[in-house]
């Protein structure tokens, strides 16, 4: 049998991974370095990253990240060089522990202003709130670093919408549902009901063990809803931002 050589339908490196709108992903993978389109791409993702920083990081810790984004926009405008960008990227990456810690401290101060929940589930949920807040700050910082990376390697811009959507979902779920007394009460009520079932009793499943599990099940569902909404919002913005490019092409 004669062996036939098959040509790939899509060239290596051009496969779309569903990281965002098709036009956006193609632009990230095919844009010519330093071109006007590349500079426009940096402006687009810097705008997304700035939204994440402003909403997820306290002002006292956001200055380094915002300076990094200003550096990216300066590069896009042609008023700064690659060396300046690399310096900004180094500073932003180094600031990550400080940014996360400052965010946690800010949330702790906010928690101290409310009525304390000293129940086992309440104490656990308070720690989850801090974890989610720190993750939101982490992904916001990551969005800034990926924006700066995209100046050298445009494909890095693909990570920015993911960073922003994930970080915003952590923030909204952590500072929203996870802090809500009614949300916690519903998880506890479900745990008490499950612990009373014959099967649960035979397995030794007690309320104290079930409550945090159910709390995380509920919270995970809420996180997914927020993440889907953030992705949709980001894709709408990207589609709008690329409208002019489609007209030109």
Protein backbone atom coordinates (compact mmCIF):
# COMPACT_ATOMS: atom_id res chain seq x y z
CA UNK A 1 0.00 0.00 0.00
CA UNK A 2 1.34 3.39 -0.94
CA UNK A 3 1.80 5.66 2.05
CA UNK A 4 0.29 9.08 1.53
CA UNK A 5 1.70 12.21 3.07
CA UNK A 6 -0.98 14.21 4.78
CA UNK A 7 -0.68 17.95 5.08
CA UNK A 8 -1.99 19.42 8.33
CA UNK A 9 -5.06 21.60 8.03
CA UNK A 10 -3.57 24.02 10.54
CA UNK A 11 0.12 24.82 10.68
CA UNK A 12 1.98 24.12 13.94
CA UNK A 13 1.76 27.08 16.29
CA UNK A 14 -1.43 28.38 14.68
CA UNK A 15 -3.88 26.12 16.45
CA UNK A 16 -6.55 28.05 18.35
CA UNK A 17 -6.92 27.09 21.99
CA UNK A 18 -10.15 28.95 22.75
CA UNK A 19 -8.37 31.49 24.94
CA UNK A 20 -10.75 34.23 23.82
CA UNK A 21 -12.51 35.54 20.73
CA UNK A 22 -11.05 34.00 17.59
CA UNK A 23 -9.85 37.33 16.19
CA UNK A 24 -8.07 38.11 19.46
CA UNK A 25 -6.30 34.77 19.60
CA UNK A 26 -5.21 35.00 15.97
CA UNK A 27 -3.90 38.51 16.58
CA UNK A 28 -1.88 37.37 19.60
CA UNK A 29 -0.31 34.52 17.63
CA UNK A 30 0.34 36.28 14.33
CA UNK A 31 0.97 39.95 15.09
CA UNK A 32 4.27 41.39 13.86
CA UNK A 33 6.47 42.51 16.80
CA UNK A 34 6.52 46.27 17.23
CA UNK A 35 3.79 46.88 14.66
CA UNK A 36 0.85 49.19 15.20
CA UNK A 37 -1.34 46.13 15.75
CA UNK A 38 1.07 44.86 18.40
CA UNK A 39 0.95 48.23 20.15
CA UNK A 40 -2.83 48.19 19.98
CA UNK A 41 -2.88 44.70 21.48
CA UNK A 42 -0.77 45.89 24.42
CA UNK A 43 -3.13 48.80 24.99
CA UNK A 44 -6.07 46.38 25.00
CA UNK A 45 -4.67 43.92 27.54
CA UNK A 46 -3.21 46.72 29.69
CA UNK A 47 -6.73 48.12 29.98
CA UNK A 48 -8.04 44.74 31.15
CA UNK A 49 -5.19 44.30 33.62
CA UNK A 50 -5.71 47.77 35.07
CA UNK A 51 -9.35 46.97 35.78
CA UNK A 52 -8.27 43.87 37.69
CA UNK A 53 -5.66 45.73 39.74
CA UNK A 54 -7.92 48.63 40.66
CA UNK A 55 -10.74 46.32 41.76
CA UNK A 56 -8.68 43.65 43.57
CA UNK A 57 -5.64 45.35 45.11
CA UNK A 58 -5.76 48.07 47.80
CA UNK A 59 -4.44 51.45 46.61
CA UNK A 60 -1.56 51.30 49.09
CA UNK A 61 -0.13 48.25 47.29
CA UNK A 62 -1.17 48.96 43.70
CA UNK A 63 1.37 51.64 42.77
CA UNK A 64 4.05 49.26 41.43
CA UNK A 65 1.53 47.37 39.30
CA UNK A 66 -0.03 50.55 37.94
CA UNK A 67 3.42 51.91 37.13
CA UNK A 68 4.11 48.70 35.22
CA UNK A 69 0.95 49.20 33.19
CA UNK A 70 1.88 52.83 32.57
CA UNK A 71 5.18 51.51 31.23
CA UNK A 72 3.35 49.15 28.90
CA UNK A 73 1.18 51.99 27.59
CA UNK A 74 4.27 54.17 27.16
CA UNK A 75 5.82 51.43 25.05
CA UNK A 76 2.62 51.20 23.01
CA UNK A 77 2.78 54.96 22.46
CA UNK A 78 6.43 54.75 21.45
CA UNK A 79 7.75 56.80 24.37
CA UNK A 80 9.66 54.05 26.22
CA UNK A 81 11.95 51.22 25.18
CA UNK A 82 12.19 47.48 25.83
CA UNK A 83 14.77 47.95 28.60
CA UNK A 84 12.33 50.06 30.60
CA UNK A 85 9.64 47.43 30.11
CA UNK A 86 11.89 44.64 31.36
CA UNK A 87 12.69 46.69 34.46
CA UNK A 88 9.00 47.24 35.12
CA UNK A 89 8.31 43.54 34.68
CA UNK A 90 10.98 42.64 37.23
CA UNK A 91 9.58 45.12 39.74
CA UNK A 92 6.01 43.88 39.31
CA UNK A 93 6.98 40.24 39.76
CA UNK A 94 9.04 41.10 42.85
CA UNK A 95 6.08 43.00 44.31
CA UNK A 96 3.81 39.92 44.30
CA UNK A 97 4.32 38.92 47.98
CA UNK A 98 3.83 42.51 49.11
CA UNK A 99 0.69 42.90 47.02
CA UNK A 100 -0.85 39.68 48.33
CA UNK A 101 0.01 40.48 51.94
CA UNK A 102 -1.35 44.03 51.74
CA UNK A 103 -4.59 42.71 50.24
CA UNK A 104 -4.99 40.14 53.02
CA UNK A 105 -4.33 42.76 55.70
CA UNK A 106 -6.93 45.09 54.16
CA UNK A 107 -9.55 42.33 54.19
CA UNK A 108 -8.64 41.36 57.75
CA UNK A 109 -9.25 44.94 58.84
CA UNK A 110 -12.63 44.88 57.12
CA UNK A 111 -13.50 41.58 58.83
CA UNK A 112 -12.63 43.09 62.23
CA UNK A 113 -15.28 45.79 61.71
CA UNK A 114 -18.10 43.27 61.45
CA UNK A 115 -19.72 40.94 63.96
CA UNK A 116 -17.36 38.02 64.63
CA UNK A 117 -18.50 34.52 63.64
CA UNK A 118 -16.77 32.25 66.14
CA UNK A 119 -18.44 29.02 64.98
CA UNK A 120 -16.15 26.37 63.44
CA UNK A 121 -17.65 26.96 60.00
CA UNK A 122 -17.42 30.73 60.47
CA UNK A 123 -13.74 30.58 61.36
CA UNK A 124 -13.08 28.34 58.37
CA UNK A 125 -15.05 30.62 56.06
CA UNK A 126 -13.12 33.67 57.27
CA UNK A 127 -9.89 31.96 56.23
CA UNK A 128 -11.38 31.14 52.84
CA UNK A 129 -12.25 34.82 52.39
CA UNK A 130 -8.59 35.71 52.96
CA UNK A 131 -7.42 32.99 50.59
CA UNK A 132 -9.74 34.14 47.82
CA UNK A 133 -8.70 37.77 48.31
CA UNK A 134 -5.03 36.81 48.07
CA UNK A 135 -5.70 34.79 44.91
CA UNK A 136 -7.50 37.76 43.36
CA UNK A 137 -4.42 39.90 44.06
CA UNK A 138 -2.17 37.15 42.70
CA UNK A 139 -4.01 36.90 39.39
CA UNK A 140 -4.17 40.69 39.06
CA UNK A 141 -0.40 40.81 39.41
CA UNK A 142 -0.11 37.96 36.92
CA UNK A 143 -2.23 39.94 34.44
CA UNK A 144 0.20 42.85 34.70
CA UNK A 145 3.25 40.60 34.23
CA UNK A 146 1.69 38.86 31.23
CA UNK A 147 0.87 42.26 29.72
CA UNK A 148 4.52 43.26 30.00
CA UNK A 149 5.64 39.84 28.70
CA UNK A 150 3.44 40.36 25.65
CA UNK A 151 5.64 43.25 24.55
CA UNK A 152 8.41 40.76 23.85
CA UNK A 153 6.22 37.74 23.06
CA UNK A 154 2.77 38.77 21.90
CA UNK A 155 1.24 35.34 22.60
CA UNK A 156 1.61 36.04 26.33
CA UNK A 157 -1.35 38.40 25.95
CA UNK A 158 -3.57 35.31 25.68
CA UNK A 159 -3.10 34.79 29.42
CA UNK A 160 -4.38 38.22 30.44
CA UNK A 161 -8.14 37.58 29.95
CA UNK A 162 -7.75 34.30 31.86
CA UNK A 163 -5.94 36.06 34.69
CA UNK A 164 -8.52 38.81 34.90
CA UNK A 165 -11.55 36.52 34.77
CA UNK A 166 -10.13 34.12 37.35
CA UNK A 167 -8.99 36.86 39.69
CA UNK A 168 -12.27 38.73 39.52
CA UNK A 169 -14.19 35.51 40.18
CA UNK A 170 -12.09 34.86 43.30
CA UNK A 171 -12.67 38.40 44.51
CA UNK A 172 -16.41 38.39 43.89
CA UNK A 173 -16.94 34.96 45.45
CA UNK A 174 -14.61 35.59 48.37
CA UNK A 175 -15.79 39.06 49.33
CA UNK A 176 -19.38 38.27 48.42
CA UNK A 177 -20.86 34.84 49.09
CA UNK A 178 -18.10 33.57 51.39
CA UNK A 179 -18.66 36.50 53.77
CA UNK A 180 -22.45 36.29 53.65
CA UNK A 181 -23.94 34.95 56.94
CA UNK A 182 -26.98 33.55 55.11
CA UNK A 183 -24.74 31.69 52.66
CA UNK A 184 -22.85 30.12 55.57
CA UNK A 185 -26.11 29.29 57.36
CA UNK A 186 -27.45 27.46 54.32
CA UNK A 187 -24.29 25.37 54.07
CA UNK A 188 -24.55 24.51 57.77
CA UNK A 189 -28.24 23.62 57.46
CA UNK A 190 -27.50 21.30 54.55
CA UNK A 191 -24.70 19.68 56.56
CA UNK A 192 -27.02 19.11 59.53
CA UNK A 193 -29.63 17.54 57.27
CA UNK A 194 -27.09 15.25 55.61
CA UNK A 195 -25.57 14.25 58.95
CA UNK A 196 -29.02 13.10 60.10
CA UNK A 197 -29.44 10.63 57.25
CA UNK A 198 -29.09 6.94 58.10
CA UNK A 199 -26.40 6.46 55.47
CA UNK A 200 -24.40 9.41 56.81
CA UNK A 201 -24.61 8.10 60.35
CA UNK A 202 -23.46 4.66 59.26
CA UNK A 203 -20.48 6.23 57.51
CA UNK A 204 -19.64 8.42 60.47
CA UNK A 205 -20.27 11.66 58.56
CA UNK A 206 -20.80 14.36 61.14
CA UNK A 207 -22.01 17.92 60.74
CA UNK A 208 -18.61 19.36 61.67
CA UNK A 209 -16.94 17.50 58.79
CA UNK A 210 -19.72 17.99 56.25
CA UNK A 211 -20.19 21.72 56.79
CA UNK A 212 -16.88 22.92 55.24
CA UNK A 213 -17.25 20.45 52.38
CA UNK A 214 -20.72 21.72 51.50
CA UNK A 215 -19.59 25.32 51.98
CA UNK A 216 -16.89 24.76 49.35
CA UNK A 217 -19.34 23.03 47.01
CA UNK A 218 -21.66 26.02 47.20
CA UNK A 219 -18.80 28.50 46.90
CA UNK A 220 -17.27 26.66 43.94
CA UNK A 221 -20.58 26.89 42.10
CA UNK A 222 -20.71 30.61 42.81
CA UNK A 223 -17.10 31.03 41.59
CA UNK A 224 -17.96 29.34 38.29
CA UNK A 225 -20.95 31.64 37.76
CA UNK A 226 -18.76 34.71 38.38
CA UNK A 227 -15.98 33.37 36.13
CA UNK A 228 -18.41 32.75 33.26
CA UNK A 229 -19.87 36.24 33.62
CA UNK A 230 -16.43 37.84 33.70
CA UNK A 231 -15.31 35.92 30.61
CA UNK A 232 -18.42 37.05 28.75
CA UNK A 233 -17.83 40.67 29.75
CA UNK A 234 -14.16 40.51 28.72
CA UNK A 235 -15.00 38.95 25.37
CA UNK A 236 -17.57 41.67 24.72
CA UNK A 237 -14.91 44.31 25.43
CA UNK A 238 -12.35 42.58 23.20
CA UNK A 239 -14.86 42.28 20.36
CA UNK A 240 -15.62 45.99 20.67
CA UNK A 241 -11.92 46.90 20.81
CA UNK A 242 -11.18 44.90 17.65
CA UNK A 243 -14.09 46.33 15.66
CA UNK A 244 -11.89 48.95 13.98
CA UNK A 245 -9.31 46.32 13.06
CA UNK A 246 -11.97 44.20 11.34
CA UNK A 247 -13.12 47.21 9.36
CA UNK A 248 -9.60 47.85 8.10
CA UNK A 249 -9.15 44.21 7.11
